[in-house]
Amino acid sequence: DTILESEFILLLAFLGRADDPRVRPAANYLRGHQLPSGGWAN
């Protein structure tokens, strides 16, 4: 599920790399898996 992409982004932010070029593609993947109700499922 999407915790993998989320935690990868959170790790990069912790490491001071929130501007890493992989952040936006991982975020795009997250957006594509949002439920109509607004949340995310496992």
All heavy atoms as atom14 arrays in JSON, in Angstrom:
{
  "sequence": "DTILESEFILLLAFLGRADDPRVRPAANYLRGHQLPSGGWAN",
  "atom14_mask": [
    [1, 1, 1, 1, 1, 1, 1, 1, 0, 0, 0, 0, 0, 0],
    [1, 1, 1, 1, 1, 1, 1, 0, 0, 0, 0, 0, 0, 0],
    [1, 1, 1, 1, 1, 1, 1, 1, 0, 0, 0, 0, 0, 0],
    [1, 1, 1, 1, 1, 1, 1, 1, 0, 0, 0, 0, 0, 0],
    [1, 1, 1, 1, 1, 1, 1, 1, 1, 0, 0, 0, 0, 0],
    [1, 1, 1, 1, 1, 1, 0, 0, 0, 0, 0, 0, 0, 0],
    [1, 1, 1, 1, 1, 1, 1, 1, 1, 0, 0, 0, 0, 0],
    [1, 1, 1, 1, 1, 1, 1, 1, 1, 1, 1, 0, 0, 0],
    [1, 1, 1, 1, 1, 1, 1, 1, 0, 0, 0, 0, 0, 0],
    [1, 1, 1, 1, 1, 1, 1, 1, 0, 0, 0, 0, 0, 0],
    [1, 1, 1, 1, 1, 1, 1, 1, 0, 0, 0, 0, 0, 0],
    [1, 1, 1, 1, 1, 1, 1, 1, 0, 0, 0, 0, 0, 0],
    [1, 1, 1, 1, 1, 0, 0, 0, 0, 0, 0, 0, 0, 0],
    [1, 1, 1, 1, 1, 1, 1, 1, 1, 1, 1, 0, 0, 0],
    [1, 1, 1, 1, 1, 1, 1, 1, 0, 0, 0, 0, 0, 0],
    [1, 1, 1, 1, 0, 0, 0, 0, 0, 0, 0, 0, 0, 0],
    [1, 1, 1, 1, 1, 1, 1, 1, 1, 1, 1, 0, 0, 0],
    [1, 1, 1, 1, 1, 0, 0, 0, 0, 0, 0, 0, 0, 0],
    [1, 1, 1, 1, 1, 1, 1, 1, 0, 0, 0, 0, 0, 0],
    [1, 1, 1, 1, 1, 1, 1, 1, 0, 0, 0, 0, 0, 0],
    [1, 1, 1, 1, 1, 1, 1, 0, 0, 0, 0, 0, 0, 0],
    [1, 1, 1, 1, 1, 1, 1, 1, 1, 1, 1, 0, 0, 0],
    [1, 1, 1, 1, 1, 1, 1, 0, 0, 0, 0, 0, 0, 0],
    [1, 1, 1, 1, 1, 1, 1, 1, 1, 1, 1, 0, 0, 0],
    [1, 1, 1, 1, 1, 1, 1, 0, 0, 0, 0, 0, 0, 0],
    [1, 1, 1, 1, 1, 0, 0, 0, 0, 0, 0, 0, 0, 0],
    [1, 1, 1, 1, 1, 0, 0, 0, 0, 0, 0, 0, 0, 0],
    [1, 1, 1, 1, 1, 1, 1, 1, 0, 0, 0, 0, 0, 0],
    [1, 1, 1, 1, 1, 1, 1, 1, 1, 1, 1, 1, 0, 0],
    [1, 1, 1, 1, 1, 1, 1, 1, 0, 0, 0, 0, 0, 0],
    [1, 1, 1, 1, 1, 1, 1, 1, 1, 1, 1, 0, 0, 0],
    [1, 1, 1, 1, 0, 0, 0, 0, 0, 0, 0, 0, 0, 0],
    [1, 1, 1, 1, 1, 1, 1, 1, 1, 1, 0, 0, 0, 0],
    [1, 1, 1, 1, 1, 1, 1, 1, 1, 0, 0, 0, 0, 0],
    [1, 1, 1, 1, 1, 1, 1, 1, 0, 0, 0, 0, 0, 0],
    [1, 1, 1, 1, 1, 1, 1, 0, 0, 0, 0, 0, 0, 0],
    [1, 1, 1, 1, 1, 1, 0, 0, 0, 0, 0, 0, 0, 0],
    [1, 1, 1, 1, 0, 0, 0, 0, 0, 0, 0, 0, 0, 0],
    [1, 1, 1, 1, 0, 0, 0, 0, 0, 0, 0, 0, 0, 0],
    [1, 1, 1, 1, 1, 1, 1, 1, 1, 1, 1, 1, 1, 1],
    [1, 1, 1, 1, 1, 0, 0, 0, 0, 0, 0, 0, 0, 0],
    [1, 1, 1, 1, 1, 1, 1, 1, 0, 0, 0, 0, 0, 0]
  ],
  "atom14_positions": [
    [[0.83, -1.19, 0.0], [0.0, 0.0, 0.0], [0.87, 1.26, 0.0], [2.11, 1.19, -0.06], [-1.0, -0.02, 1.16], [-0.33, 0.06, 2.53], [0.55, 0.91, 2.72], [-0.7, -0.72, 3.43], [0.0, 0.0, 0.0], [0.0, 0.0, 0.0], [0.0, 0.0, 0.0], [0.0, 0.0, 0.0], [0.0, 0.0, 0.0], [0.0, 0.0, 0.0]],
    [[0.25, 2.42, 0.12], [0.96, 3.68, -0.1], [1.83, 4.11, 1.08], [2.5, 5.15, 0.98], [-0.04, 4.81, -0.4], [-0.97, 4.91, 0.7], [-0.79, 4.53, -1.69], [0.0, 0.0, 0.0], [0.0, 0.0, 0.0], [0.0, 0.0, 0.0], [0.0, 0.0, 0.0], [0.0, 0.0, 0.0], [0.0, 0.0, 0.0], [0.0, 0.0, 0.0]],
    [[1.85, 3.34, 2.18], [2.78, 3.74, 3.25], [4.22, 3.68, 2.76], [5.08, 4.39, 3.29], [2.62, 2.86, 4.51], [3.01, 1.41, 4.25], [1.23, 2.97, 5.09], [3.2, 0.6, 5.5], [0.0, 0.0, 0.0], [0.0, 0.0, 0.0], [0.0, 0.0, 0.0], [0.0, 0.0, 0.0], [0.0, 0.0, 0.0], [0.0, 0.0, 0.0]],
    [[4.5, 2.87, 1.75], [5.86, 2.76, 1.24], [6.31, 4.07, 0.61], [7.4, 4.59, 0.92], [5.95, 1.62, 0.23], [5.53, 0.24, 0.76], [5.36, -0.73, -0.4], [6.55, -0.28, 1.75], [0.0, 0.0, 0.0], [0.0, 0.0, 0.0], [0.0, 0.0, 0.0], [0.0, 0.0, 0.0], [0.0, 0.0, 0.0], [0.0, 0.0, 0.0]],
    [[5.5, 4.63, -0.26], [5.84, 5.9, -0.89], [5.84, 7.03, 0.14], [6.71, 7.91, 0.11], [4.86, 6.2, -2.03], [4.94, 5.23, -3.2], [4.34, 3.86, -2.9], [3.35, 3.8, -2.13], [4.85, 2.85, -3.43], [0.0, 0.0, 0.0], [0.0, 0.0, 0.0], [0.0, 0.0, 0.0], [0.0, 0.0, 0.0], [0.0, 0.0, 0.0]],
    [[4.85, 7.0, 1.05], [4.77, 8.04, 2.07], [6.01, 8.04, 2.95], [6.63, 9.09, 3.19], [3.52, 7.84, 2.93], [2.35, 7.92, 2.17], [0.0, 0.0, 0.0], [0.0, 0.0, 0.0], [0.0, 0.0, 0.0], [0.0, 0.0, 0.0], [0.0, 0.0, 0.0], [0.0, 0.0, 0.0], [0.0, 0.0, 0.0], [0.0, 0.0, 0.0]],
    [[6.39, 6.88, 3.45], [7.52, 6.81, 4.36], [8.83, 7.15, 3.65], [9.76, 7.69, 4.26], [7.59, 5.43, 5.02], [6.45, 5.19, 6.0], [6.58, 3.87, 6.73], [7.63, 3.2, 6.63], [5.61, 3.5, 7.44], [0.0, 0.0, 0.0], [0.0, 0.0, 0.0], [0.0, 0.0, 0.0], [0.0, 0.0, 0.0], [0.0, 0.0, 0.0]],
    [[8.91, 6.84, 2.38], [10.1, 7.22, 1.61], [10.23, 8.75, 1.55], [11.31, 9.31, 1.77], [10.01, 6.62, 0.21], [11.25, 6.84, -0.64], [12.48, 6.35, -0.24], [11.16, 7.53, -1.83], [13.61, 6.55, -1.02], [12.29, 7.73, -2.63], [13.52, 7.24, -2.22], [0.0, 0.0, 0.0], [0.0, 0.0, 0.0], [0.0, 0.0, 0.0]],
    [[9.13, 9.42, 1.29], [9.14, 10.89, 1.27], [9.46, 11.44, 2.66], [10.26, 12.38, 2.81], [7.79, 11.43, 0.76], [7.6, 11.07, -0.72], [7.7, 12.94, 0.97], [6.24, 11.43, -1.27], [0.0, 0.0, 0.0], [0.0, 0.0, 0.0], [0.0, 0.0, 0.0], [0.0, 0.0, 0.0], [0.0, 0.0, 0.0], [0.0, 0.0, 0.0]],
    [[8.85, 10.86, 3.69], [9.11, 11.33, 5.06], [10.57, 11.13, 5.44], [11.17, 11.98, 6.11], [8.19, 10.6, 6.04], [6.69, 10.81, 5.85], [5.89, 9.97, 6.83], [6.31, 12.28, 5.99], [0.0, 0.0, 0.0], [0.0, 0.0, 0.0], [0.0, 0.0, 0.0], [0.0, 0.0, 0.0], [0.0, 0.0, 0.0], [0.0, 0.0, 0.0]],
    [[11.16, 10.01, 5.01], [12.58, 9.79, 5.29], [13.43, 10.86, 4.61], [14.35, 11.43, 5.22], [13.01, 8.4, 4.81], [14.53, 8.16, 4.84], [15.04, 8.11, 6.28], [14.9, 6.89, 4.08], [0.0, 0.0, 0.0], [0.0, 0.0, 0.0], [0.0, 0.0, 0.0], [0.0, 0.0, 0.0], [0.0, 0.0, 0.0], [0.0, 0.0, 0.0]],
    [[13.16, 11.12, 3.33], [13.95, 12.12, 2.61], [13.84, 13.48, 3.3], [14.83, 14.22, 3.42], [13.49, 12.21, 1.16], [13.8, 10.98, 0.29], [13.15, 11.11, -1.08], [15.31, 10.77, 0.15], [0.0, 0.0, 0.0], [0.0, 0.0, 0.0], [0.0, 0.0, 0.0], [0.0, 0.0, 0.0], [0.0, 0.0, 0.0], [0.0, 0.0, 0.0]],
    [[12.63, 13.81, 3.79], [12.48, 15.08, 4.5], [13.3, 15.08, 5.78], [13.94, 16.09, 6.12], [11.0, 15.32, 4.81], [0.0, 0.0, 0.0], [0.0, 0.0, 0.0], [0.0, 0.0, 0.0], [0.0, 0.0, 0.0], [0.0, 0.0, 0.0], [0.0, 0.0, 0.0], [0.0, 0.0, 0.0], [0.0, 0.0, 0.0], [0.0, 0.0, 0.0]],
    [[13.3, 13.98, 6.51], [14.09, 13.9, 7.74], [15.57, 14.07, 7.44], [16.31, 14.71, 8.21], [13.85, 12.56, 8.43], [14.76, 12.32, 9.59], [14.57, 12.95, 10.8], [15.85, 11.46, 9.47], [15.43, 12.75, 11.87], [16.72, 11.24, 10.53], [16.51, 11.89, 11.74], [0.0, 0.0, 0.0], [0.0, 0.0, 0.0], [0.0, 0.0, 0.0]],
    [[16.01, 13.53, 6.32], [17.43, 13.64, 5.94], [17.77, 15.0, 5.35], [18.91, 15.22, 4.93], [17.78, 12.53, 4.94], [17.67, 11.09, 5.45], [17.95, 10.1, 4.31], [18.61, 10.83, 6.62], [0.0, 0.0, 0.0], [0.0, 0.0, 0.0], [0.0, 0.0, 0.0], [0.0, 0.0, 0.0], [0.0, 0.0, 0.0], [0.0, 0.0, 0.0]],
    [[16.79, 15.89, 5.31], [17.04, 17.22, 4.75], [17.01, 17.26, 3.25], [17.57, 18.16, 2.62], [0.0, 0.0, 0.0], [0.0, 0.0, 0.0], [0.0, 0.0, 0.0], [0.0, 0.0, 0.0], [0.0, 0.0, 0.0], [0.0, 0.0, 0.0], [0.0, 0.0, 0.0], [0.0, 0.0, 0.0], [0.0, 0.0, 0.0], [0.0, 0.0, 0.0]],
    [[16.29, 16.29, 2.64], [16.28, 16.18, 1.18], [14.85, 16.26, 0.65], [14.46, 15.53, -0.25], [16.94, 14.87, 0.76], [18.42, 14.81, 1.14], [19.0, 13.41, 1.1], [18.87, 12.78, -0.2], [19.32, 11.54, -0.47], [19.95, 10.85, 0.48], [19.17, 11.03, -1.67], [0.0, 0.0, 0.0], [0.0, 0.0, 0.0], [0.0, 0.0, 0.0]],
    [[14.06, 17.17, 1.2], [12.68, 17.31, 0.74], [12.6, 17.75, -0.71], [11.55, 17.6, -1.36], [11.93, 18.3, 1.63], [0.0, 0.0, 0.0], [0.0, 0.0, 0.0], [0.0, 0.0, 0.0], [0.0, 0.0, 0.0], [0.0, 0.0, 0.0], [0.0, 0.0, 0.0], [0.0, 0.0, 0.0], [0.0, 0.0, 0.0], [0.0, 0.0, 0.0]],
    [[13.69, 18.3, -1.22], [13.72, 18.73, -2.62], [14.26, 17.64, -3.55], [14.54, 17.9, -4.73], [14.56, 19.99, -2.77], [16.0, 19.8, -2.28], [16.3, 18.75, -1.67], [16.83, 20.71, -2.5], [0.0, 0.0, 0.0], [0.0, 0.0, 0.0], [0.0, 0.0, 0.0], [0.0, 0.0, 0.0], [0.0, 0.0, 0.0], [0.0, 0.0, 0.0]],
    [[14.43, 16.43, -3.05], [14.92, 15.33, -3.87], [13.99, 15.14, -5.08], [12.76, 15.2, -4.95], [14.95, 14.04, -3.02], [15.63, 12.88, -3.73], [15.06, 12.33, -4.69], [16.74, 12.48, -3.29], [0.0, 0.0, 0.0], [0.0, 0.0, 0.0], [0.0, 0.0, 0.0], [0.0, 0.0, 0.0], [0.0, 0.0, 0.0], [0.0, 0.0, 0.0]],
    [[14.54, 14.93, -6.28], [13.69, 14.81, -7.48], [12.73, 13.62, -7.45], [11.81, 13.56, -8.26], [14.71, 14.68, -8.62], [15.98, 14.26, -7.97], [15.98, 14.86, -6.61], [0.0, 0.0, 0.0], [0.0, 0.0, 0.0], [0.0, 0.0, 0.0], [0.0, 0.0, 0.0], [0.0, 0.0, 0.0], [0.0, 0.0, 0.0], [0.0, 0.0, 0.0]],
    [[12.92, 12.7, -6.52], [12.01, 11.55, -6.44], [10.76, 11.85, -5.61], [9.82, 11.05, -5.61], [12.74, 10.35, -5.86], [13.84, 9.8, -6.76], [14.73, 8.81, -6.06], [15.49, 9.45, -4.98], [16.42, 8.83, -4.27], [16.69, 7.56, -4.5], [17.06, 9.48, -3.31], [0.0, 0.0, 0.0], [0.0, 0.0, 0.0], [0.0, 0.0, 0.0]],
    [[10.75, 12.96, -4.9], [9.62, 13.27, -4.03], [8.34, 13.5, -4.83], [7.29, 12.92, -4.53], [9.93, 14.49, -3.14], [8.66, 15.0, -2.46], [10.97, 14.12, -2.08], [0.0, 0.0, 0.0], [0.0, 0.0, 0.0], [0.0, 0.0, 0.0], [0.0, 0.0, 0.0], [0.0, 0.0, 0.0], [0.0, 0.0, 0.0], [0.0, 0.0, 0.0]],
    [[8.41, 14.31, -5.86], [7.18, 14.61, -6.62], [6.62, 13.39, -7.34], [5.4, 13.15, -7.3], [7.45, 15.76, -7.6], [6.22, 16.21, -8.39], [4.99, 16.46, -7.52], [5.07, 17.62, -6.7], [4.4, 18.75, -6.92], [3.59, 18.86, -7.97], [4.51, 19.76, -6.08], [0.0, 0.0, 0.0], [0.0, 0.0, 0.0], [0.0, 0.0, 0.0]],
    [[7.43, 12.54, -8.01], [6.85, 11.33, -8.61], [6.2, 10.4, -7.58], [5.15, 9.81, -7.85], [8.06, 10.66, -9.28], [9.0, 11.77, -9.55], [8.84, 12.72, -8.42], [0.0, 0.0, 0.0], [0.0, 0.0, 0.0], [0.0, 0.0, 0.0], [0.0, 0.0, 0.0], [0.0, 0.0, 0.0], [0.0, 0.0, 0.0], [0.0, 0.0, 0.0]],
    [[6.81, 10.28, -6.4], [6.19, 9.45, -5.35], [4.88, 10.08, -4.89], [3.9, 9.37, -4.61], [7.15, 9.28, -4.18], [0.0, 0.0, 0.0], [0.0, 0.0, 0.0], [0.0, 0.0, 0.0], [0.0, 0.0, 0.0], [0.0, 0.0, 0.0], [0.0, 0.0, 0.0], [0.0, 0.0, 0.0], [0.0, 0.0, 0.0], [0.0, 0.0, 0.0]],
    [[4.85, 11.41, -4.81], [3.61, 12.1, -4.43], [2.54, 11.92, -5.5], [1.35, 11.78, -5.18], [3.9, 13.58, -4.2], [0.0, 0.0, 0.0], [0.0, 0.0, 0.0], [0.0, 0.0, 0.0], [0.0, 0.0, 0.0], [0.0, 0.0, 0.0], [0.0, 0.0, 0.0], [0.0, 0.0, 0.0], [0.0, 0.0, 0.0], [0.0, 0.0, 0.0]],
    [[2.94, 11.93, -6.76], [1.96, 11.67, -7.83], [1.32, 10.3, -7.67], [0.12, 10.13, -7.91], [2.65, 11.76, -9.2], [3.09, 13.17, -9.54], [2.6, 14.14, -8.98], [4.03, 13.29, -10.47], [0.0, 0.0, 0.0], [0.0, 0.0, 0.0], [0.0, 0.0, 0.0], [0.0, 0.0, 0.0], [0.0, 0.0, 0.0], [0.0, 0.0, 0.0]],
    [[2.13, 9.32, -7.29], [1.59, 7.97, -7.06], [0.58, 8.0, -5.91], [-0.48, 7.38, -6.0], [2.73, 7.01, -6.75], [2.29, 5.57, -6.61], [2.11, 4.77, -7.73], [2.05, 5.02, -5.35], [1.7, 3.45, -7.61], [1.65, 3.69, -5.22], [1.47, 2.92, -6.34], [1.05, 1.61, -6.21], [0.0, 0.0, 0.0], [0.0, 0.0, 0.0]],
    [[0.91, 8.74, -4.85], [-0.02, 8.85, -3.72], [-1.34, 9.47, -4.16], [-2.42, 8.98, -3.78], [0.61, 9.7, -2.62], [1.78, 9.09, -1.85], [2.37, 10.12, -0.9], [1.32, 7.87, -1.07], [0.0, 0.0, 0.0], [0.0, 0.0, 0.0], [0.0, 0.0, 0.0], [0.0, 0.0, 0.0], [0.0, 0.0, 0.0], [0.0, 0.0, 0.0]],
    [[-1.27, 10.53, -4.93], [-2.49, 11.19, -5.38], [-3.37, 10.23, -6.18], [-4.6, 10.26, -6.07], [-2.15, 12.42, -6.22], [-1.61, 13.59, -5.43], [-1.72, 14.87, -6.24], [-3.11, 15.18, -6.58], [-3.47, 16.19, -7.38], [-2.54, 16.95, -7.95], [-4.74, 16.42, -7.64], [0.0, 0.0, 0.0], [0.0, 0.0, 0.0], [0.0, 0.0, 0.0]],
    [[-2.74, 9.39, -6.96], [-3.5, 8.46, -7.78], [-4.2, 7.37, -6.99], [-5.04, 6.67, -7.55], [0.0, 0.0, 0.0], [0.0, 0.0, 0.0], [0.0, 0.0, 0.0], [0.0, 0.0, 0.0], [0.0, 0.0, 0.0], [0.0, 0.0, 0.0], [0.0, 0.0, 0.0], [0.0, 0.0, 0.0], [0.0, 0.0, 0.0], [0.0, 0.0, 0.0]],
    [[-3.87, 7.23, -5.71], [-4.47, 6.18, -4.9], [-5.36, 6.72, -3.79], [-5.8, 5.97, -2.91], [-3.37, 5.29, -4.29], [-2.76, 4.36, -5.3], [-1.88, 4.8, -6.26], [-2.91, 3.03, -5.5], [-1.52, 3.77, -7.02], [-2.12, 2.7, -6.58], [0.0, 0.0, 0.0], [0.0, 0.0, 0.0], [0.0, 0.0, 0.0], [0.0, 0.0, 0.0]],
    [[-5.67, 8.01, -3.85], [-6.57, 8.58, -2.86], [-8.0, 8.09, -3.12], [-8.45, 7.99, -4.26], [-6.54, 10.11, -2.91], [-7.34, 10.79, -1.82], [-7.27, 12.3, -1.89], [-6.93, 12.87, -2.94], [-7.58, 12.97, -0.79], [0.0, 0.0, 0.0], [0.0, 0.0, 0.0], [0.0, 0.0, 0.0], [0.0, 0.0, 0.0], [0.0, 0.0, 0.0]],
    [[-8.71, 7.77, -2.06], [-10.09, 7.33, -2.17], [-11.01, 8.53, -2.45], [-10.69, 9.66, -2.07], [-10.54, 6.65, -0.88], [-9.79, 5.39, -0.45], [-10.24, 4.94, 0.93], [-10.0, 4.28, -1.47], [0.0, 0.0, 0.0], [0.0, 0.0, 0.0], [0.0, 0.0, 0.0], [0.0, 0.0, 0.0], [0.0, 0.0, 0.0], [0.0, 0.0, 0.0]],
    [[-12.14, 8.31, -3.07], [-13.08, 9.42, -3.29], [-13.49, 10.11, -1.99], [-13.77, 11.31, -1.98], [-14.28, 8.73, -3.96], [-13.69, 7.52, -4.62], [-12.59, 7.06, -3.71], [0.0, 0.0, 0.0], [0.0, 0.0, 0.0], [0.0, 0.0, 0.0], [0.0, 0.0, 0.0], [0.0, 0.0, 0.0], [0.0, 0.0, 0.0], [0.0, 0.0, 0.0]],
    [[-13.5, 9.34, -0.9], [-13.88, 9.91, 0.4], [-12.79, 10.8, 0.98], [-13.04, 11.51, 1.96], [-14.19, 8.79, 1.39], [-13.03, 7.98, 1.61], [0.0, 0.0, 0.0], [0.0, 0.0, 0.0], [0.0, 0.0, 0.0], [0.0, 0.0, 0.0], [0.0, 0.0, 0.0], [0.0, 0.0, 0.0], [0.0, 0.0, 0.0], [0.0, 0.0, 0.0]],
    [[-11.57, 10.74, 0.42], [-10.5, 11.61, 0.87], [-9.32, 10.92, 1.5], [-8.22, 11.46, 1.53], [0.0, 0.0, 0.0], [0.0, 0.0, 0.0], [0.0, 0.0, 0.0], [0.0, 0.0, 0.0], [0.0, 0.0, 0.0], [0.0, 0.0, 0.0], [0.0, 0.0, 0.0], [0.0, 0.0, 0.0], [0.0, 0.0, 0.0], [0.0, 0.0, 0.0]],
    [[-9.52, 9.73, 2.06], [-8.43, 9.04, 2.73], [-7.72, 8.05, 1.82], [-7.9, 8.04, 0.6], [0.0, 0.0, 0.0], [0.0, 0.0, 0.0], [0.0, 0.0, 0.0], [0.0, 0.0, 0.0], [0.0, 0.0, 0.0], [0.0, 0.0, 0.0], [0.0, 0.0, 0.0], [0.0, 0.0, 0.0], [0.0, 0.0, 0.0], [0.0, 0.0, 0.0]],
    [[-6.92, 7.2, 2.45], [-6.18, 6.16, 1.74], [-6.4, 4.83, 2.45], [-6.46, 4.78, 3.68], [-4.68, 6.48, 1.69], [-4.3, 7.52, 0.69], [-3.79, 7.31, -0.56], [-4.37, 8.95, 0.85], [-3.54, 8.51, -1.19], [-3.89, 9.53, -0.35], [-4.8, 9.79, 1.88], [-3.83, 10.9, -0.54], [-4.75, 11.17, 1.7], [-4.27, 11.71, 0.5]],
    [[-6.5, 3.75, 1.67], [-6.74, 2.42, 2.22], [-5.46, 1.62, 2.24], [-4.48, 1.96, 1.56], [-7.8, 1.69, 1.4], [0.0, 0.0, 0.0], [0.0, 0.0, 0.0], [0.0, 0.0, 0.0], [0.0, 0.0, 0.0], [0.0, 0.0, 0.0], [0.0, 0.0, 0.0], [0.0, 0.0, 0.0], [0.0, 0.0, 0.0], [0.0, 0.0, 0.0]],
    [[-5.46, 0.51, 3.0], [-4.29, -0.36, 2.98], [-4.48, -1.57, 2.06], [-3.64, -2.46, 2.05], [-3.88, -0.79, 4.4], [-4.98, -1.52, 5.14], [-6.05, -1.77, 4.6], [-4.71, -1.86, 6.39], [0.0, 0.0, 0.0], [0.0, 0.0, 0.0], [0.0, 0.0, 0.0], [0.0, 0.0, 0.0], [0.0, 0.0, 0.0], [0.0, 0.0, 0.0]]
  ]
}
